Amino acid sequence: MVMHTWRDKEYKHLDILENEISTYLRFEYKINDKKEWLHVIEKGEEWY
């Protein structure tokens, strides 16, 4: 099931040659009136 798809506006004119599937949990929050987000990967053991 696709929950969200995203394409960079800068590259949307290019043909897709290959798709990469990634699964992660994303937290989005606001701090000091700025939107921030955190990706959690590798069964919760890594984040960026």
Protein backbone atom coordinates (compact mmCIF):
# COMPACT_ATOMS: atom_id res chain seq x y z
CA MET A 1 0.00 0.00 0.00
CA VAL A 2 1.38 3.42 -0.94
CA MET A 3 0.78 5.89 1.86
CA HIS A 4 2.67 8.81 0.38
CA THR A 5 4.55 9.53 -2.82
CA TRP A 6 6.84 12.46 -3.42
CA ARG A 7 8.79 13.83 -6.38
CA ASP A 8 11.21 16.71 -6.22
CA LYS A 9 9.86 19.65 -8.25
CA GLU A 10 13.33 20.27 -9.62
CA TYR A 11 13.49 16.80 -11.21
CA LYS A 12 9.84 16.07 -12.04
CA HIS A 13 10.45 16.60 -15.77
CA LEU A 14 12.81 13.58 -15.87
CA ASP A 15 11.60 10.06 -16.66
CA ILE A 16 11.61 7.56 -13.81
CA LEU A 17 14.12 4.83 -14.59
CA GLU A 18 14.03 3.02 -11.29
CA ASN A 19 11.86 3.06 -8.16
CA GLU A 20 13.24 2.57 -4.69
CA ILE A 21 10.93 1.47 -1.90
CA SER A 22 11.66 2.69 1.59
CA THR A 23 9.74 2.21 4.78
CA TYR A 24 10.13 4.57 7.69
CA LEU A 25 8.23 6.38 10.38
CA ARG A 26 8.23 10.15 10.06
CA PHE A 27 7.51 12.59 12.84
CA GLU A 28 6.66 16.11 11.81
CA TYR A 29 6.63 18.88 14.38
CA LYS A 30 6.93 22.62 14.71
CA ILE A 31 9.65 24.29 16.79
CA ASN A 32 10.18 28.06 16.97
CA ASP A 33 7.55 28.47 14.22
CA LYS A 34 9.60 26.30 11.86
CA LYS A 35 8.45 22.91 10.58
CA GLU A 36 10.90 20.10 11.33
CA TRP A 37 10.75 16.34 10.76
CA LEU A 38 12.52 13.22 11.88
CA HIS A 39 12.73 9.91 9.99
CA VAL A 40 13.04 6.76 12.09
CA ILE A 41 14.54 3.75 10.25
CA GLU A 42 16.16 0.37 10.91
CA LYS A 43 13.54 -0.87 13.39
CA GLY A 44 13.83 2.33 15.41
CA GLU A 45 17.59 2.06 15.88
CA GLU A 46 18.53 4.88 13.49
CA TRP A 47 17.08 8.27 12.71
CA TYR A 48 17.87 11.36 10.69
